[in-house]
Amino acid sequence: TPGTTKVYWSLNTSLTYQFRRTGVALSYAHGVNGGS
């Protein structure tokens, strides 16, 4: 049957923190994408 709808969940988060001599960055994403 062409024309199908489906429900997913999406999440996008990122964190950047700078110490005096050290920097860190983290990110996470979940969801539908183009498929590479």
PDB file of all heavy atoms in Angstrom:
ATOM      1  N   THR A   1       0.839  -1.198   0.000  1.00  0.00           N
ATOM      2  CA  THR A   1       0.000   0.000   0.000  1.00  0.00           C
ATOM      3  C   THR A   1       0.871   1.245   0.000  1.00  0.00           C
ATOM      4  O   THR A   1       1.516   1.548   1.007  1.00  0.00           O
ATOM      5  CB  THR A   1      -0.911   0.019   1.239  1.00  0.00           C
ATOM      6  OG1 THR A   1      -1.649  -1.192   1.298  1.00  0.00           O
ATOM      7  CG2 THR A   1      -1.859   1.211   1.184  1.00  0.00           C
ATOM      8  N   PRO A   2       0.933   1.970  -1.135  1.00  0.00           N
ATOM      9  CA  PRO A   2       1.730   3.198  -1.153  1.00  0.00           C
ATOM     10  C   PRO A   2       1.082   4.269  -0.294  1.00  0.00           C
ATOM     11  O   PRO A   2      -0.132   4.296  -0.092  1.00  0.00           O
ATOM     12  CB  PRO A   2       1.719   3.584  -2.633  1.00  0.00           C
ATOM     13  CG  PRO A   2       0.473   2.972  -3.177  1.00  0.00           C
ATOM     14  CD  PRO A   2       0.273   1.699  -2.414  1.00  0.00           C
ATOM     15  N   GLY A   3       1.911   5.158   0.223  1.00  0.00           N
ATOM     16  CA  GLY A   3       1.406   6.228   1.061  1.00  0.00           C
ATOM     17  C   GLY A   3       1.253   5.778   2.500  1.00  0.00           C
ATOM     18  O   GLY A   3       0.147   5.476   2.952  1.00  0.00           O
ATOM     19  N   THR A   4       2.352   5.665   3.220  1.00  0.00           N
ATOM     20  CA  THR A   4       2.346   5.161   4.588  1.00  0.00           C
ATOM     21  C   THR A   4       2.878   6.219   5.531  1.00  0.00           C
ATOM     22  O   THR A   4       3.851   6.896   5.223  1.00  0.00           O
ATOM     23  CB  THR A   4       3.205   3.886   4.697  1.00  0.00           C
ATOM     24  OG1 THR A   4       2.703   2.902   3.795  1.00  0.00           O
ATOM     25  CG2 THR A   4       3.175   3.337   6.114  1.00  0.00           C
ATOM     26  N   THR A   5       2.274   6.346   6.691  1.00  0.00           N
ATOM     27  CA  THR A   5       2.711   7.297   7.712  1.00  0.00           C
ATOM     28  C   THR A   5       3.162   6.534   8.951  1.00  0.00           C
ATOM     29  O   THR A   5       2.488   5.598   9.392  1.00  0.00           O
ATOM     30  CB  THR A   5       1.580   8.268   8.079  1.00  0.00           C
ATOM     31  OG1 THR A   5       1.173   8.984   6.913  1.00  0.00           O
ATOM     32  CG2 THR A   5       2.061   9.272   9.117  1.00  0.00           C
ATOM     33  N   LYS A   6       4.289   6.950   9.510  1.00  0.00           N
ATOM     34  CA  LYS A   6       4.819   6.304  10.696  1.00  0.00           C
ATOM     35  C   LYS A   6       5.365   7.362  11.644  1.00  0.00           C
ATOM     36  O   LYS A   6       5.893   8.386  11.208  1.00  0.00           O
ATOM     37  CB  LYS A   6       5.919   5.308  10.319  1.00  0.00           C
ATOM     38  CG  LYS A   6       6.336   4.388  11.454  1.00  0.00           C
ATOM     39  CD  LYS A   6       7.272   3.292  10.975  1.00  0.00           C
ATOM     40  CE  LYS A   6       7.646   2.350  12.117  1.00  0.00           C
ATOM     41  NZ  LYS A   6       8.548   1.264  11.657  1.00  0.00           N
ATOM     42  N   VAL A   7       5.257   7.109  12.956  1.00  0.00           N
ATOM     43  CA  VAL A   7       5.692   8.063  13.969  1.00  0.00           C
ATOM     44  C   VAL A   7       7.006   7.577  14.582  1.00  0.00           C
ATOM     45  O   VAL A   7       7.103   6.421  15.024  1.00  0.00           O
ATOM     46  CB  VAL A   7       4.633   8.246  15.068  1.00  0.00           C
ATOM     47  CG1 VAL A   7       5.131   9.231  16.126  1.00  0.00           C
ATOM     48  CG2 VAL A   7       3.321   8.739  14.458  1.00  0.00           C
ATOM     49  N   TYR A   8       8.007   8.433  14.617  1.00  0.00           N
ATOM     50  CA  TYR A   8       9.280   8.174  15.260  1.00  0.00           C
ATOM     51  C   TYR A   8       9.463   9.201  16.388  1.00  0.00           C
ATOM     52  O   TYR A   8       8.561   9.969  16.695  1.00  0.00           O
ATOM     53  CB  TYR A   8      10.435   8.299  14.260  1.00  0.00           C
ATOM     54  CG  TYR A   8      10.381   7.299  13.129  1.00  0.00           C
ATOM     55  CD1 TYR A   8       9.643   7.571  11.970  1.00  0.00           C
ATOM     56  CD2 TYR A   8      11.083   6.107  13.198  1.00  0.00           C
ATOM     57  CE1 TYR A   8       9.603   6.657  10.919  1.00  0.00           C
ATOM     58  CE2 TYR A   8      11.053   5.188  12.164  1.00  0.00           C
ATOM     59  CZ  TYR A   8      10.308   5.472  11.024  1.00  0.00           C
ATOM     60  OH  TYR A   8      10.265   4.567   9.986  1.00  0.00           O
ATOM     61  N   TRP A   9      10.645   9.203  16.978  1.00  0.00           N
ATOM     62  CA  TRP A   9      10.984  10.240  17.958  1.00  0.00           C
ATOM     63  C   TRP A   9      12.290  10.893  17.543  1.00  0.00           C
ATOM     64  O   TRP A   9      13.146  10.263  16.920  1.00  0.00           O
ATOM     65  CB  TRP A   9      11.084   9.675  19.372  1.00  0.00           C
ATOM     66  CG  TRP A   9      12.151   8.623  19.566  1.00  0.00           C
ATOM     67  CD1 TRP A   9      12.053   7.284  19.310  1.00  0.00           C
ATOM     68  CD2 TRP A   9      13.485   8.840  20.045  1.00  0.00           C
ATOM     69  NE1 TRP A   9      13.233   6.644  19.594  1.00  0.00           N
ATOM     70  CE2 TRP A   9      14.129   7.570  20.056  1.00  0.00           C
ATOM     71  CE3 TRP A   9      14.190   9.966  20.474  1.00  0.00           C
ATOM     72  CZ2 TRP A   9      15.446   7.412  20.478  1.00  0.00           C
ATOM     73  CZ3 TRP A   9      15.505   9.802  20.892  1.00  0.00           C
ATOM     74  CH2 TRP A   9      16.118   8.538  20.892  1.00  0.00           C
ATOM     75  N   SER A  10      12.437  12.141  17.848  1.00  0.00           N
ATOM     76  CA  SER A  10      13.637  12.887  17.467  1.00  0.00           C
ATOM     77  C   SER A  10      14.250  13.540  18.694  1.00  0.00           C
ATOM     78  O   SER A  10      13.542  13.952  19.625  1.00  0.00           O
ATOM     79  CB  SER A  10      13.311  13.950  16.412  1.00  0.00           C
ATOM     80  OG  SER A  10      12.485  14.967  16.945  1.00  0.00           O
ATOM     81  N   LEU A  11      15.577  13.613  18.683  1.00  0.00           N
ATOM     82  CA  LEU A  11      16.320  14.238  19.773  1.00  0.00           C
ATOM     83  C   LEU A  11      17.584  14.845  19.206  1.00  0.00           C
ATOM     84  O   LEU A  11      18.274  14.216  18.386  1.00  0.00           O
ATOM     85  CB  LEU A  11      16.678  13.211  20.856  1.00  0.00           C
ATOM     86  CG  LEU A  11      17.587  13.688  22.000  1.00  0.00           C
ATOM     87  CD1 LEU A  11      16.877  14.748  22.826  1.00  0.00           C
ATOM     88  CD2 LEU A  11      18.014  12.520  22.873  1.00  0.00           C
ATOM     89  N   ASN A  12      17.885  16.046  19.614  1.00  0.00           N
ATOM     90  CA  ASN A  12      19.107  16.725  19.187  1.00  0.00           C
ATOM     91  C   ASN A  12      19.662  17.493  20.391  1.00  0.00           C
ATOM     92  O   ASN A  12      18.977  18.368  20.924  1.00  0.00           O
ATOM     93  CB  ASN A  12      18.816  17.679  18.030  1.00  0.00           C
ATOM     94  CG  ASN A  12      20.081  18.109  17.309  1.00  0.00           C
ATOM     95  OD1 ASN A  12      21.188  17.839  17.780  1.00  0.00           O
ATOM     96  ND2 ASN A  12      19.932  18.783  16.191  1.00  0.00           N
ATOM     97  N   THR A  13      20.870  17.146  20.815  1.00  0.00           N
ATOM     98  CA  THR A  13      21.450  17.810  21.977  1.00  0.00           C
ATOM     99  C   THR A  13      22.941  18.000  21.778  1.00  0.00           C
ATOM    100  O   THR A  13      23.596  17.214  21.089  1.00  0.00           O
ATOM    101  CB  THR A  13      21.181  16.992  23.258  1.00  0.00           C
ATOM    102  OG1 THR A  13      21.712  17.687  24.384  1.00  0.00           O
ATOM    103  CG2 THR A  13      21.823  15.616  23.169  1.00  0.00           C
ATOM    104  N   SER A  14      23.478  19.043  22.372  1.00  0.00           N
ATOM    105  CA  SER A  14      24.913  19.322  22.276  1.00  0.00           C
ATOM    106  C   SER A  14      25.370  20.035  23.542  1.00  0.00           C
ATOM    107  O   SER A  14      24.600  20.763  24.180  1.00  0.00           O
ATOM    108  CB  SER A  14      25.232  20.177  21.048  1.00  0.00           C
ATOM    109  OG  SER A  14      24.645  21.455  21.145  1.00  0.00           O
ATOM    110  N   LEU A  15      26.627  19.810  23.895  1.00  0.00           N
ATOM    111  CA  LEU A  15      27.234  20.421  25.074  1.00  0.00           C
ATOM    112  C   LEU A  15      28.653  20.847  24.728  1.00  0.00           C
ATOM    113  O   LEU A  15      29.430  20.057  24.170  1.00  0.00           O
ATOM    114  CB  LEU A  15      27.260  19.436  26.246  1.00  0.00           C
ATOM    115  CG  LEU A  15      28.103  19.839  27.461  1.00  0.00           C
ATOM    116  CD1 LEU A  15      27.475  21.048  28.160  1.00  0.00           C
ATOM    117  CD2 LEU A  15      28.266  18.673  28.434  1.00  0.00           C
ATOM    118  N   THR A  16      28.988  22.082  25.048  1.00  0.00           N
ATOM    119  CA  THR A  16      30.345  22.598  24.894  1.00  0.00           C
ATOM    120  C   THR A  16      30.761  23.224  26.214  1.00  0.00           C
ATOM    121  O   THR A  16      30.014  24.035  26.781  1.00  0.00           O
ATOM    122  CB  THR A  16      30.419  23.655  23.781  1.00  0.00           C
ATOM    123  OG1 THR A  16      29.929  23.106  22.563  1.00  0.00           O
ATOM    124  CG2 THR A  16      31.851  24.110  23.567  1.00  0.00           C
ATOM    125  N   TYR A  17      31.938  22.827  26.704  1.00  0.00           N
ATOM    126  CA  TYR A  17      32.409  23.370  27.983  1.00  0.00           C
ATOM    127  C   TYR A  17      33.893  23.683  27.855  1.00  0.00           C
ATOM    128  O   TYR A  17      34.674  22.889  27.322  1.00  0.00           O
ATOM    129  CB  TYR A  17      32.190  22.372  29.123  1.00  0.00           C
ATOM    130  CG  TYR A  17      32.333  23.003  30.487  1.00  0.00           C
ATOM    131  CD1 TYR A  17      31.255  23.621  31.097  1.00  0.00           C
ATOM    132  CD2 TYR A  17      33.561  23.004  31.149  1.00  0.00           C
ATOM    133  CE1 TYR A  17      31.377  24.217  32.351  1.00  0.00           C
ATOM    134  CE2 TYR A  17      33.696  23.597  32.396  1.00  0.00           C
ATOM    135  CZ  TYR A  17      32.602  24.206  32.995  1.00  0.00           C
ATOM    136  OH  TYR A  17      32.726  24.803  34.212  1.00  0.00           O
ATOM    137  N   GLN A  18      34.267  24.860  28.344  1.00  0.00           N
ATOM    138  CA  GLN A  18      35.639  25.327  28.263  1.00  0.00           C
ATOM    139  C   GLN A  18      36.219  25.528  29.660  1.00  0.00           C
ATOM    140  O   GLN A  18      35.720  26.347  30.434  1.00  0.00           O
ATOM    141  CB  GLN A  18      35.718  26.643  27.484  1.00  0.00           C
ATOM    142  CG  GLN A  18      37.116  27.193  27.314  1.00  0.00           C
ATOM    143  CD  GLN A  18      37.958  26.350  26.362  1.00  0.00           C
ATOM    144  OE1 GLN A  18      37.438  25.779  25.417  1.00  0.00           O
ATOM    145  NE2 GLN A  18      39.254  26.258  26.626  1.00  0.00           N
ATOM    146  N   PHE A  19      37.236  24.719  29.989  1.00  0.00           N
ATOM    147  CA  PHE A  19      38.002  24.946  31.207  1.00  0.00           C
ATOM    148  C   PHE A  19      39.117  25.942  30.886  1.00  0.00           C
ATOM    149  O   PHE A  19      39.169  26.504  29.796  1.00  0.00           O
ATOM    150  CB  PHE A  19      38.594  23.621  31.716  1.00  0.00           C
ATOM    151  CG  PHE A  19      37.557  22.586  32.059  1.00  0.00           C
ATOM    152  CD1 PHE A  19      37.142  21.670  31.103  1.00  0.00           C
ATOM    153  CD2 PHE A  19      37.003  22.527  33.316  1.00  0.00           C
ATOM    154  CE1 PHE A  19      36.195  20.712  31.400  1.00  0.00           C
ATOM    155  CE2 PHE A  19      36.046  21.569  33.636  1.00  0.00           C
ATOM    156  CZ  PHE A  19      35.639  20.665  32.672  1.00  0.00           C
ATOM    157  N   ARG A  20      40.004  26.135  31.829  1.00  0.00           N
ATOM    158  CA  ARG A  20      41.082  27.092  31.598  1.00  0.00           C
ATOM    159  C   ARG A  20      42.023  26.623  30.492  1.00  0.00           C
ATOM    160  O   ARG A  20      42.397  27.397  29.624  1.00  0.00           O
ATOM    161  CB  ARG A  20      41.871  27.318  32.905  1.00  0.00           C
ATOM    162  CG  ARG A  20      42.981  28.369  32.777  1.00  0.00           C
ATOM    163  CD  ARG A  20      43.636  28.650  34.113  1.00  0.00           C
ATOM    164  NE  ARG A  20      44.709  29.631  33.972  1.00  0.00           N
ATOM    165  CZ  ARG A  20      45.949  29.337  33.678  1.00  0.00           C
ATOM    166  NH1 ARG A  20      46.306  28.065  33.487  1.00  0.00           N
ATOM    167  NH2 ARG A  20      46.868  30.285  33.565  1.00  0.00           N
ATOM    168  N   ARG A  21      42.402  25.350  30.503  1.00  0.00           N
ATOM    169  CA  ARG A  21      43.342  24.825  29.519  1.00  0.00           C
ATOM    170  C   ARG A  21      42.774  23.658  28.721  1.00  0.00           C
ATOM    171  O   ARG A  21      43.472  23.075  27.895  1.00  0.00           O
ATOM    172  CB  ARG A  21      44.629  24.369  30.223  1.00  0.00           C
ATOM    173  CG  ARG A  21      45.361  25.474  30.975  1.00  0.00           C
ATOM    174  CD  ARG A  21      46.495  24.921  31.816  1.00  0.00           C
ATOM    175  NE  ARG A  21      47.545  24.347  30.983  1.00  0.00           N
ATOM    176  CZ  ARG A  21      48.580  25.044  30.495  1.00  0.00           C
ATOM    177  NH1 ARG A  21      48.676  26.339  30.744  1.00  0.00           N
ATOM    178  NH2 ARG A  21      49.495  24.461  29.766  1.00  0.00           N
ATOM    179  N   THR A  22      41.517  23.315  28.980  1.00  0.00           N
ATOM    180  CA  THR A  22      40.909  22.158  28.331  1.00  0.00           C
ATOM    181  C   THR A  22      39.522  22.523  27.822  1.00  0.00           C
ATOM    182  O   THR A  22      38.775  23.232  28.498  1.00  0.00           O
ATOM    183  CB  THR A  22      40.799  20.972  29.312  1.00  0.00           C
ATOM    184  OG1 THR A  22      42.087  20.648  29.824  1.00  0.00           O
ATOM    185  CG2 THR A  22      40.218  19.750  28.623  1.00  0.00           C
ATOM    186  N   GLY A  23      39.195  22.029  26.643  1.00  0.00           N
ATOM    187  CA  GLY A  23      37.868  22.235  26.079  1.00  0.00           C
ATOM    188  C   GLY A  23      37.274  20.909  25.641  1.00  0.00           C
ATOM    189  O   GLY A  23      37.974  20.040  25.123  1.00  0.00           O
ATOM    190  N   VAL A  24      35.970  20.736  25.874  1.00  0.00           N
ATOM    191  CA  VAL A  24      35.284  19.521  25.468  1.00  0.00           C
ATOM    192  C   VAL A  24      33.994  19.895  24.742  1.00  0.00           C
ATOM    193  O   VAL A  24      33.389  20.946  25.006  1.00  0.00           O
ATOM    194  CB  VAL A  24      34.957  18.608  26.674  1.00  0.00           C
ATOM    195  CG1 VAL A  24      36.228  18.109  27.330  1.00  0.00           C
ATOM    196  CG2 VAL A  24      34.086  19.347  27.690  1.00  0.00           C
ATOM    197  N   ALA A  25      33.591  19.020  23.806  1.00  0.00           N
ATOM    198  CA  ALA A  25      32.344  19.216  23.077  1.00  0.00           C
ATOM    199  C   ALA A  25      31.741  17.856  22.780  1.00  0.00           C
ATOM    200  O   ALA A  25      32.446  16.952  22.312  1.00  0.00           O
ATOM    201  CB  ALA A  25      32.589  19.986  21.777  1.00  0.00           C
ATOM    202  N   LEU A  26      30.443  17.709  23.049  1.00  0.00           N
ATOM    203  CA  LEU A  26      29.719  16.462  22.831  1.00  0.00           C
ATOM    204  C   LEU A  26      28.395  16.774  22.147  1.00  0.00           C
ATOM    205  O   LEU A  26      27.791  17.819  22.382  1.00  0.00           O
ATOM    206  CB  LEU A  26      29.443  15.740  24.157  1.00  0.00           C
ATOM    207  CG  LEU A  26      30.645  15.279  24.981  1.00  0.00           C
ATOM    208  CD1 LEU A  26      30.182  14.829  26.365  1.00  0.00           C
ATOM    209  CD2 LEU A  26      31.388  14.150  24.269  1.00  0.00           C
ATOM    210  N   SER A  27      27.948  15.858  21.292  1.00  0.00           N
ATOM    211  CA  SER A  27      26.650  16.033  20.650  1.00  0.00           C
ATOM    212  C   SER A  27      26.035  14.667  20.354  1.00  0.00           C
ATOM    213  O   SER A  27      26.752  13.674  20.154  1.00  0.00           O
ATOM    214  CB  SER A  27      26.782  16.840  19.356  1.00  0.00           C
ATOM    215  OG  SER A  27      27.469  16.101  18.363  1.00  0.00           O
ATOM    216  N   TYR A  28      24.700  14.634  20.336  1.00  0.00           N
ATOM    217  CA  TYR A  28      23.964  13.410  20.004  1.00  0.00           C
ATOM    218  C   TYR A  28      22.699  13.805  19.256  1.00  0.00           C
ATOM    219  O   TYR A  28      22.026  14.781  19.617  1.00  0.00           O
ATOM    220  CB  TYR A  28      23.596  12.622  21.258  1.00  0.00           C
ATOM    221  CG  TYR A  28      22.633  11.485  20.977  1.00  0.00           C
ATOM    222  CD1 TYR A  28      23.048  10.351  20.283  1.00  0.00           C
ATOM    223  CD2 TYR A  28      21.302  11.564  21.392  1.00  0.00           C
ATOM    224  CE1 TYR A  28      22.170   9.316  20.016  1.00  0.00           C
ATOM    225  CE2 TYR A  28      20.414  10.526  21.135  1.00  0.00           C
ATOM    226  CZ  TYR A  28      20.855   9.410  20.445  1.00  0.00           C
ATOM    227  OH  TYR A  28      19.979   8.390  20.173  1.00  0.00           O
ATOM    228  N   ALA A  29      22.371  13.031  18.212  1.00  0.00           N
ATOM    229  CA  ALA A  29      21.164  13.276  17.438  1.00  0.00           C
ATOM    230  C   ALA A  29      20.520  11.952  17.071  1.00  0.00           C
ATOM    231  O   ALA A  29      21.215  10.978  16.752  1.00  0.00           O
ATOM    232  CB  ALA A  29      21.481  14.079  16.178  1.00  0.00           C
ATOM    233  N   HIS A  30      19.201  11.920  17.117  1.00  0.00           N
ATOM    234  CA  HIS A  30      18.440  10.750  16.697  1.00  0.00           C
ATOM    235  C   HIS A  30      17.260  11.221  15.862  1.00  0.00           C
ATOM    236  O   HIS A  30      16.591  12.201  16.206  1.00  0.00           O
ATOM    237  CB  HIS A  30      17.926   9.964  17.904  1.00  0.00           C
ATOM    238  CG  HIS A  30      17.031   8.809  17.520  1.00  0.00           C
ATOM    239  ND1 HIS A  30      17.507   7.547  17.267  1.00  0.00           N
ATOM    240  CD2 HIS A  30      15.690   8.751  17.318  1.00  0.00           C
ATOM    241  CE1 HIS A  30      16.517   6.754  16.943  1.00  0.00           C
ATOM    242  NE2 HIS A  30      15.388   7.458  16.958  1.00  0.00           N
ATOM    243  N   GLY A  31      17.003  10.515  14.760  1.00  0.00           N
ATOM    244  CA  GLY A  31      15.875  10.851  13.913  1.00  0.00           C
ATOM    245  C   GLY A  31      16.055  10.300  12.519  1.00  0.00           C
ATOM    246  O   GLY A  31      16.995   9.535  12.233  1.00  0.00           O
ATOM    247  N   VAL A  32      15.170  10.698  11.634  1.00  0.00           N
ATOM    248  CA  VAL A  32      15.193  10.246  10.244  1.00  0.00           C
ATOM    249  C   VAL A  32      16.146  11.120   9.455  1.00  0.00           C
ATOM    250  O   VAL A  32      16.153  12.352   9.602  1.00  0.00           O
ATOM    251  CB  VAL A  32      13.781  10.297   9.644  1.00  0.00           C
ATOM    252  CG1 VAL A  32      13.804  10.008   8.151  1.00  0.00           C
ATOM    253  CG2 VAL A  32      12.868   9.302  10.359  1.00  0.00           C
ATOM    254  N   ASN A  33      16.982  10.488   8.597  1.00  0.00           N
ATOM    255  CA  ASN A  33      17.906  11.232   7.753  1.00  0.00           C
ATOM    256  C   ASN A  33      17.845  10.713   6.320  1.00  0.00           C
ATOM    257  O   ASN A  33      17.085   9.793   6.014  1.00  0.00           O
ATOM    258  CB  ASN A  33      19.336  11.164   8.315  1.00  0.00           C
ATOM    259  CG  ASN A  33      19.878   9.743   8.374  1.00  0.00           C
ATOM    260  OD1 ASN A  33      19.923   9.029   7.373  1.00  0.00           O
ATOM    261  ND2 ASN A  33      20.298   9.317   9.566  1.00  0.00           N
ATOM    262  N   GLY A  34      18.656  11.291   5.441  1.00  0.00           N
ATOM    263  CA  GLY A  34      18.592  10.976   4.023  1.00  0.00           C
ATOM    264  C   GLY A  34      19.182   9.641   3.626  1.00  0.00           C
ATOM    265  O   GLY A  34      18.960   9.182   2.496  1.00  0.00           O
ATOM    266  N   GLY A  35      19.965   8.995   4.481  1.00  0.00           N
ATOM    267  CA  GLY A  35      20.500   7.677   4.162  1.00  0.00           C
ATOM    268  C   GLY A  35      21.895   7.640   3.607  1.00  0.00           C
ATOM    269  O   GLY A  35      22.370   6.584   3.186  1.00  0.00           O
ATOM    270  N   SER A  36      22.597   8.767   3.537  1.00  0.00           N
ATOM    271  CA  SER A  36      24.018   8.834   3.155  1.00  0.00           C
ATOM    272  C   SER A  36      24.296   8.314   1.754  1.00  0.00           C
ATOM    273  O   SER A  36      25.416   7.905   1.446  1.00  0.00           O
ATOM    274  CB  SER A  36      24.877   8.055   4.168  1.00  0.00           C
ATOM    275  OG  SER A  36      24.701   8.533   5.471  1.00  0.00           O
TER     276      SER A  36
END
